[in-house]
Amino acid sequence: MVASMHMVGSYIVSSNERDGMLYTTEMSRRARAIDLWATLKGLGKQGVSDLVWELHQKAICFSKLLKEGGFEILNDLVFNQVLVRYEPDEKTNKLIKGVQETGVCWLGGSKWDGKSVMRVSVSSPYV
């Protein structure tokens, strides 16, 4: 018997096949501490502070551009996440699929108050 290492969430895409992410350290709560340690060790306190600030600024930029484009921003921007939707659910879902198919970036889908939403998670300062 192989124990899986995983997290759950409506934004995590899974399939009926054996998902590799359920058997690797990337989705393991315990193993993610290794990445955190390496980041702290490599960047130091000021470097981590600069990274957090930059990711937040990029999320604010995404939020402003999306709002100007007619999207509804559903969350307060406190770090690097933007929760956004475009009325109706069908348009939001179609947009998520289209963006994912381009490969330009990854925007995950989820549900919020029973409505389809798009999760923009800024994880690189080089956006």
N, C-alpha and C. Protein backbone atom coordinates (compact mmCIF):
# COMPACT_ATOMS: atom_id res chain seq x y z
N MET A 1 0.84 -1.18 0.00
CA MET A 1 0.00 0.00 0.00
C MET A 1 0.89 1.25 0.00
N VAL A 2 0.61 2.17 -0.90
CA VAL A 2 1.37 3.40 -1.00
C VAL A 2 0.53 4.52 -0.40
N ALA A 3 1.09 5.20 0.58
CA ALA A 3 0.38 6.33 1.19
C ALA A 3 0.59 7.56 0.33
N SER A 4 -0.46 8.29 0.09
CA SER A 4 -0.31 9.50 -0.71
C SER A 4 -0.04 10.69 0.20
N MET A 5 0.65 11.67 -0.34
CA MET A 5 0.95 12.91 0.36
C MET A 5 0.24 14.02 -0.40
N HIS A 6 -0.84 14.54 0.15
CA HIS A 6 -1.55 15.53 -0.62
C HIS A 6 -2.36 16.48 0.25
N MET A 7 -2.82 17.51 -0.41
CA MET A 7 -3.73 18.50 0.17
C MET A 7 -5.01 18.46 -0.63
N VAL A 8 -6.05 19.02 -0.08
CA VAL A 8 -7.31 19.10 -0.80
C VAL A 8 -7.74 20.55 -0.90
N GLY A 9 -8.52 20.84 -1.91
CA GLY A 9 -9.08 22.17 -2.12
C GLY A 9 -9.82 22.18 -3.43
N SER A 10 -10.85 22.99 -3.52
CA SER A 10 -11.65 23.01 -4.75
C SER A 10 -10.85 23.52 -5.94
N TYR A 11 -9.73 24.19 -5.69
CA TYR A 11 -8.91 24.73 -6.76
C TYR A 11 -7.86 23.73 -7.26
N ILE A 12 -7.70 22.59 -6.58
CA ILE A 12 -6.72 21.59 -7.01
C ILE A 12 -7.38 20.67 -8.03
N VAL A 13 -6.80 20.64 -9.22
CA VAL A 13 -7.35 19.85 -10.31
C VAL A 13 -6.84 18.41 -10.17
N SER A 14 -7.76 17.48 -10.20
CA SER A 14 -7.37 16.07 -10.13
C SER A 14 -8.10 15.30 -11.22
N SER A 15 -7.68 14.06 -11.40
CA SER A 15 -8.30 13.24 -12.45
C SER A 15 -8.62 11.87 -11.88
N ASN A 16 -9.24 11.04 -12.71
CA ASN A 16 -9.54 9.67 -12.31
C ASN A 16 -8.31 8.77 -12.44
N GLU A 17 -7.28 9.26 -13.11
CA GLU A 17 -6.03 8.52 -13.26
C GLU A 17 -5.18 8.75 -12.02
N ARG A 18 -4.06 8.08 -11.93
CA ARG A 18 -3.14 8.26 -10.81
C ARG A 18 -2.45 9.61 -10.98
N ASP A 19 -2.77 10.55 -10.10
CA ASP A 19 -2.17 11.88 -10.15
C ASP A 19 -0.80 11.85 -9.49
N GLY A 20 0.23 12.19 -10.26
CA GLY A 20 1.59 12.18 -9.73
C GLY A 20 1.77 13.13 -8.57
N MET A 21 1.05 14.26 -8.58
CA MET A 21 1.24 15.23 -7.51
C MET A 21 0.83 14.69 -6.14
N LEU A 22 0.03 13.64 -6.11
CA LEU A 22 -0.38 13.08 -4.83
C LEU A 22 0.70 12.17 -4.24
N TYR A 23 1.74 11.91 -5.00
CA TYR A 23 2.79 11.00 -4.54
C TYR A 23 4.17 11.65 -4.55
N THR A 24 4.20 12.97 -4.59
CA THR A 24 5.48 13.68 -4.59
C THR A 24 5.51 14.69 -3.46
N THR A 25 6.68 15.21 -3.19
CA THR A 25 6.83 16.14 -2.06
C THR A 25 6.20 17.50 -2.30
N GLU A 26 5.96 17.89 -3.53
CA GLU A 26 5.43 19.23 -3.81
C GLU A 26 4.09 19.49 -3.13
N MET A 27 3.27 18.46 -3.00
CA MET A 27 1.96 18.66 -2.39
C MET A 27 1.90 18.13 -0.95
N SER A 28 3.04 17.76 -0.39
CA SER A 28 3.08 17.26 0.97
C SER A 28 3.26 18.42 1.94
N ARG A 29 2.45 18.50 2.94
CA ARG A 29 2.57 19.58 3.92
C ARG A 29 3.91 19.53 4.62
N ARG A 30 4.37 18.36 4.98
CA ARG A 30 5.65 18.24 5.68
C ARG A 30 6.82 18.63 4.78
N ALA A 31 6.83 18.13 3.57
CA ALA A 31 7.97 18.35 2.68
C ALA A 31 8.09 19.80 2.22
N ARG A 32 7.00 20.55 2.23
CA ARG A 32 7.09 21.95 1.79
C ARG A 32 7.95 22.79 2.73
N ALA A 33 8.19 22.30 3.93
CA ALA A 33 9.08 23.01 4.86
C ALA A 33 10.49 23.09 4.31
N ILE A 34 10.89 22.13 3.48
CA ILE A 34 12.22 22.14 2.87
C ILE A 34 12.37 23.36 1.98
N ASP A 35 11.35 23.61 1.15
CA ASP A 35 11.39 24.79 0.27
C ASP A 35 11.44 26.08 1.09
N LEU A 36 10.67 26.12 2.15
CA LEU A 36 10.66 27.30 3.02
C LEU A 36 12.03 27.52 3.64
N TRP A 37 12.62 26.47 4.18
CA TRP A 37 13.95 26.59 4.78
C TRP A 37 14.96 27.09 3.75
N ALA A 38 14.95 26.49 2.56
CA ALA A 38 15.91 26.87 1.51
C ALA A 38 15.72 28.32 1.10
N THR A 39 14.48 28.77 1.02
CA THR A 39 14.20 30.16 0.66
C THR A 39 14.74 31.11 1.73
N LEU A 40 14.45 30.81 2.98
CA LEU A 40 14.95 31.65 4.07
C LEU A 40 16.47 31.66 4.12
N LYS A 41 17.07 30.51 3.94
CA LYS A 41 18.53 30.39 3.96
C LYS A 41 19.15 31.15 2.80
N GLY A 42 18.56 31.03 1.63
CA GLY A 42 19.12 31.66 0.44
C GLY A 42 18.91 33.16 0.34
N LEU A 43 17.71 33.62 0.70
CA LEU A 43 17.38 35.04 0.54
C LEU A 43 17.65 35.87 1.78
N GLY A 44 17.59 35.25 2.92
CA GLY A 44 17.74 36.01 4.16
C GLY A 44 16.48 36.80 4.47
N LYS A 45 16.48 37.45 5.63
CA LYS A 45 15.29 38.18 6.10
C LYS A 45 14.88 39.29 5.15
N GLN A 46 15.82 40.11 4.71
CA GLN A 46 15.49 41.22 3.82
C GLN A 46 15.05 40.72 2.46
N GLY A 47 15.69 39.67 1.97
CA GLY A 47 15.32 39.11 0.67
C GLY A 47 13.90 38.56 0.67
N VAL A 48 13.51 37.87 1.74
CA VAL A 48 12.15 37.36 1.86
C VAL A 48 11.16 38.51 1.95
N SER A 49 11.51 39.54 2.71
CA SER A 49 10.65 40.72 2.82
C SER A 49 10.45 41.37 1.46
N ASP A 50 11.52 41.52 0.70
CA ASP A 50 11.43 42.11 -0.65
C ASP A 50 10.58 41.24 -1.57
N LEU A 51 10.73 39.92 -1.48
CA LEU A 51 9.96 39.00 -2.31
C LEU A 51 8.47 39.11 -1.99
N VAL A 52 8.12 39.10 -0.73
CA VAL A 52 6.71 39.21 -0.33
C VAL A 52 6.12 40.52 -0.82
N TRP A 53 6.85 41.61 -0.66
CA TRP A 53 6.37 42.93 -1.11
C TRP A 53 6.15 42.91 -2.63
N GLU A 54 7.10 42.36 -3.38
CA GLU A 54 6.99 42.33 -4.84
C GLU A 54 5.82 41.47 -5.31
N LEU A 55 5.62 40.31 -4.69
CA LEU A 55 4.49 39.45 -5.07
C LEU A 55 3.17 40.17 -4.80
N HIS A 56 3.10 40.88 -3.69
CA HIS A 56 1.88 41.63 -3.36
C HIS A 56 1.63 42.74 -4.39
N GLN A 57 2.68 43.45 -4.78
CA GLN A 57 2.54 44.51 -5.78
C GLN A 57 2.06 43.96 -7.12
N LYS A 58 2.57 42.79 -7.50
CA LYS A 58 2.13 42.17 -8.76
C LYS A 58 0.66 41.76 -8.68
N ALA A 59 0.23 41.25 -7.52
CA ALA A 59 -1.18 40.88 -7.34
C ALA A 59 -2.07 42.12 -7.45
N ILE A 60 -1.63 43.23 -6.88
CA ILE A 60 -2.39 44.48 -6.98
C ILE A 60 -2.50 44.91 -8.44
N CYS A 61 -1.41 44.78 -9.17
CA CYS A 61 -1.40 45.13 -10.60
C CYS A 61 -2.39 44.26 -11.38
N PHE A 62 -2.34 42.94 -11.17
CA PHE A 62 -3.29 42.03 -11.82
C PHE A 62 -4.72 42.45 -11.49
N SER A 63 -4.98 42.73 -10.22
CA SER A 63 -6.31 43.09 -9.77
C SER A 63 -6.82 44.35 -10.48
N LYS A 64 -5.98 45.36 -10.56
CA LYS A 64 -6.38 46.61 -11.22
C LYS A 64 -6.69 46.39 -12.69
N LEU A 65 -5.82 45.65 -13.37
CA LEU A 65 -6.03 45.39 -14.80
C LEU A 65 -7.29 44.57 -15.04
N LEU A 66 -7.52 43.57 -14.21
CA LEU A 66 -8.71 42.75 -14.36
C LEU A 66 -9.98 43.56 -14.09
N LYS A 67 -9.93 44.40 -13.06
CA LYS A 67 -11.10 45.23 -12.74
C LYS A 67 -11.39 46.21 -13.88
N GLU A 68 -10.35 46.79 -14.45
CA GLU A 68 -10.52 47.69 -15.60
C GLU A 68 -11.11 46.94 -16.79
N GLY A 69 -10.85 45.63 -16.88
CA GLY A 69 -11.36 44.81 -17.97
C GLY A 69 -12.77 44.29 -17.74
N GLY A 70 -13.41 44.70 -16.64
CA GLY A 70 -14.79 44.31 -16.38
C GLY A 70 -14.96 43.10 -15.49
N PHE A 71 -13.88 42.65 -14.88
CA PHE A 71 -13.95 41.50 -13.97
C PHE A 71 -14.31 41.98 -12.56
N GLU A 72 -14.92 41.08 -11.81
CA GLU A 72 -15.26 41.36 -10.43
C GLU A 72 -14.18 40.77 -9.52
N ILE A 73 -13.56 41.61 -8.69
CA ILE A 73 -12.55 41.16 -7.74
C ILE A 73 -13.28 40.85 -6.43
N LEU A 74 -13.12 39.62 -5.94
CA LEU A 74 -13.91 39.15 -4.80
C LEU A 74 -13.19 39.17 -3.47
N ASN A 75 -11.90 39.40 -3.45
CA ASN A 75 -11.17 39.35 -2.19
C ASN A 75 -10.41 40.64 -1.92
N ASP A 76 -10.05 40.81 -0.64
CA ASP A 76 -9.13 41.87 -0.26
C ASP A 76 -7.73 41.36 -0.58
N LEU A 77 -6.94 42.19 -1.21
CA LEU A 77 -5.58 41.77 -1.58
C LEU A 77 -4.64 41.99 -0.41
N VAL A 78 -4.37 40.90 0.30
CA VAL A 78 -3.49 40.99 1.46
C VAL A 78 -2.13 40.34 1.21
N PHE A 79 -2.01 39.57 0.13
CA PHE A 79 -0.71 39.00 -0.23
C PHE A 79 -0.65 38.80 -1.73
N ASN A 80 -0.66 37.56 -2.21
CA ASN A 80 -0.42 37.30 -3.63
C ASN A 80 -1.60 36.66 -4.36
N GLN A 81 -2.77 36.63 -3.75
CA GLN A 81 -3.93 35.96 -4.34
C GLN A 81 -4.97 36.98 -4.82
N VAL A 82 -5.49 36.73 -6.01
CA VAL A 82 -6.61 37.51 -6.54
C VAL A 82 -7.71 36.53 -6.90
N LEU A 83 -8.87 36.72 -6.32
CA LEU A 83 -10.03 35.88 -6.61
C LEU A 83 -10.95 36.71 -7.48
N VAL A 84 -11.20 36.21 -8.70
CA VAL A 84 -11.88 37.03 -9.71
C VAL A 84 -12.91 36.19 -10.46
N ARG A 85 -13.95 36.88 -10.94
CA ARG A 85 -14.94 36.17 -11.76
C ARG A 85 -15.44 37.12 -12.84
N TYR A 86 -16.02 36.50 -13.85
CA TYR A 86 -16.62 37.23 -14.96
C TYR A 86 -17.99 36.62 -15.17
N GLU A 87 -19.03 37.43 -15.07
CA GLU A 87 -20.41 36.94 -15.19
C GLU A 87 -20.67 36.42 -16.59
N PRO A 88 -21.40 35.38 -16.76
CA PRO A 88 -21.87 34.39 -15.80
C PRO A 88 -20.82 33.29 -15.61
N ASP A 89 -21.16 32.24 -14.86
CA ASP A 89 -20.22 31.15 -14.58
C ASP A 89 -19.63 30.56 -15.86
N GLU A 90 -20.44 30.43 -16.89
CA GLU A 90 -19.97 29.82 -18.13
C GLU A 90 -18.81 30.61 -18.73
N LYS A 91 -18.88 31.94 -18.66
CA LYS A 91 -17.80 32.77 -19.19
C LYS A 91 -16.54 32.62 -18.35
N THR A 92 -16.71 32.56 -17.05
CA THR A 92 -15.56 32.38 -16.17
C THR A 92 -14.88 31.05 -16.47
N ASN A 93 -15.66 29.98 -16.56
CA ASN A 93 -15.10 28.65 -16.83
C ASN A 93 -14.42 28.58 -18.20
N LYS A 94 -15.04 29.20 -19.20
CA LYS A 94 -14.46 29.22 -20.54
C LYS A 94 -13.14 29.99 -20.55
N LEU A 95 -13.09 31.08 -19.83
CA LEU A 95 -11.88 31.88 -19.75
C LEU A 95 -10.75 31.10 -19.07
N ILE A 96 -11.07 30.44 -17.96
CA ILE A 96 -10.06 29.63 -17.25
C ILE A 96 -9.48 28.59 -18.19
N LYS A 97 -10.35 27.87 -18.88
CA LYS A 97 -9.90 26.83 -19.81
C LYS A 97 -9.03 27.42 -20.92
N GLY A 98 -9.46 28.55 -21.46
CA GLY A 98 -8.70 29.19 -22.54
C GLY A 98 -7.32 29.63 -22.11
N VAL A 99 -7.22 30.23 -20.93
CA VAL A 99 -5.92 30.67 -20.42
C VAL A 99 -5.02 29.47 -20.17
N GLN A 100 -5.56 28.42 -19.57
CA GLN A 100 -4.77 27.22 -19.29
C GLN A 100 -4.28 26.57 -20.58
N GLU A 101 -5.09 26.57 -21.61
CA GLU A 101 -4.70 25.95 -22.88
C GLU A 101 -3.60 26.73 -23.59
N THR A 102 -3.52 28.05 -23.36
CA THR A 102 -2.46 28.83 -24.00
C THR A 102 -1.09 28.51 -23.43
N GLY A 103 -1.05 28.12 -22.16
CA GLY A 103 0.22 27.83 -21.51
C GLY A 103 1.00 29.06 -21.09
N VAL A 104 0.44 30.24 -21.29
CA VAL A 104 1.12 31.47 -20.91
C VAL A 104 1.29 31.56 -19.40
N CYS A 105 0.25 31.18 -18.69
CA CYS A 105 0.31 31.15 -17.24
C CYS A 105 -0.75 30.16 -16.75
N TRP A 106 -0.77 29.92 -15.47
CA TRP A 106 -1.75 28.99 -14.91
C TRP A 106 -2.70 29.76 -14.01
N LEU A 107 -3.97 29.72 -14.33
CA LEU A 107 -5.02 30.29 -13.50
C LEU A 107 -5.96 29.16 -13.14
N GLY A 108 -6.09 28.90 -11.86
CA GLY A 108 -6.93 27.79 -11.43
C GLY A 108 -8.36 28.21 -11.21
N GLY A 109 -9.27 27.30 -11.40
CA GLY A 109 -10.67 27.54 -11.13
C GLY A 109 -11.05 27.04 -9.75
N SER A 110 -12.10 27.60 -9.22
CA SER A 110 -12.61 27.18 -7.91
C SER A 110 -14.07 27.60 -7.82
N LYS A 111 -14.64 27.43 -6.65
CA LYS A 111 -16.00 27.90 -6.36
C LYS A 111 -15.96 28.82 -5.16
N TRP A 112 -16.75 29.88 -5.21
CA TRP A 112 -16.85 30.84 -4.11
C TRP A 112 -18.31 31.21 -3.98
N ASP A 113 -18.89 30.94 -2.84
CA ASP A 113 -20.32 31.20 -2.63
C ASP A 113 -21.17 30.58 -3.73
N GLY A 114 -20.77 29.39 -4.17
CA GLY A 114 -21.52 28.66 -5.18
C GLY A 114 -21.30 29.14 -6.60
N LYS A 115 -20.41 30.10 -6.82
CA LYS A 115 -20.15 30.64 -8.15
C LYS A 115 -18.76 30.24 -8.62
N SER A 116 -18.61 30.10 -9.92
CA SER A 116 -17.31 29.81 -10.50
C SER A 116 -16.41 31.03 -10.39
N VAL A 117 -15.19 30.80 -9.97
CA VAL A 117 -14.22 31.89 -9.83
C VAL A 117 -12.87 31.43 -10.37
N MET A 118 -12.02 32.41 -10.62
CA MET A 118 -10.67 32.16 -11.09
C MET A 118 -9.70 32.60 -10.00
N ARG A 119 -8.72 31.74 -9.68
CA ARG A 119 -7.71 32.06 -8.68
C ARG A 119 -6.43 32.47 -9.39
N VAL A 120 -6.03 33.70 -9.18
CA VAL A 120 -4.75 34.18 -9.70
C VAL A 120 -3.81 34.20 -8.51
N SER A 121 -2.79 33.37 -8.54
CA SER A 121 -1.83 33.26 -7.47
C SER A 121 -0.46 33.67 -8.02
N VAL A 122 0.01 34.85 -7.62
CA VAL A 122 1.28 35.35 -8.13
C VAL A 122 2.41 34.71 -7.33
N SER A 123 3.20 33.89 -8.01
CA SER A 123 4.26 33.17 -7.31
C SER A 123 5.66 33.46 -7.86
N SER A 124 5.75 34.44 -8.72
CA SER A 124 7.05 34.84 -9.24
C SER A 124 7.11 36.35 -9.37
N PRO A 125 8.20 36.97 -8.92
CA PRO A 125 8.31 38.42 -9.07
C PRO A 125 8.64 38.85 -10.49
N TYR A 126 8.85 37.87 -11.38
CA TYR A 126 9.25 38.18 -12.76
C TYR A 126 8.09 38.13 -13.72
N VAL A 127 6.89 38.50 -13.26
CA VAL A 127 5.70 38.48 -14.10
C VAL A 127 5.68 39.71 -14.96
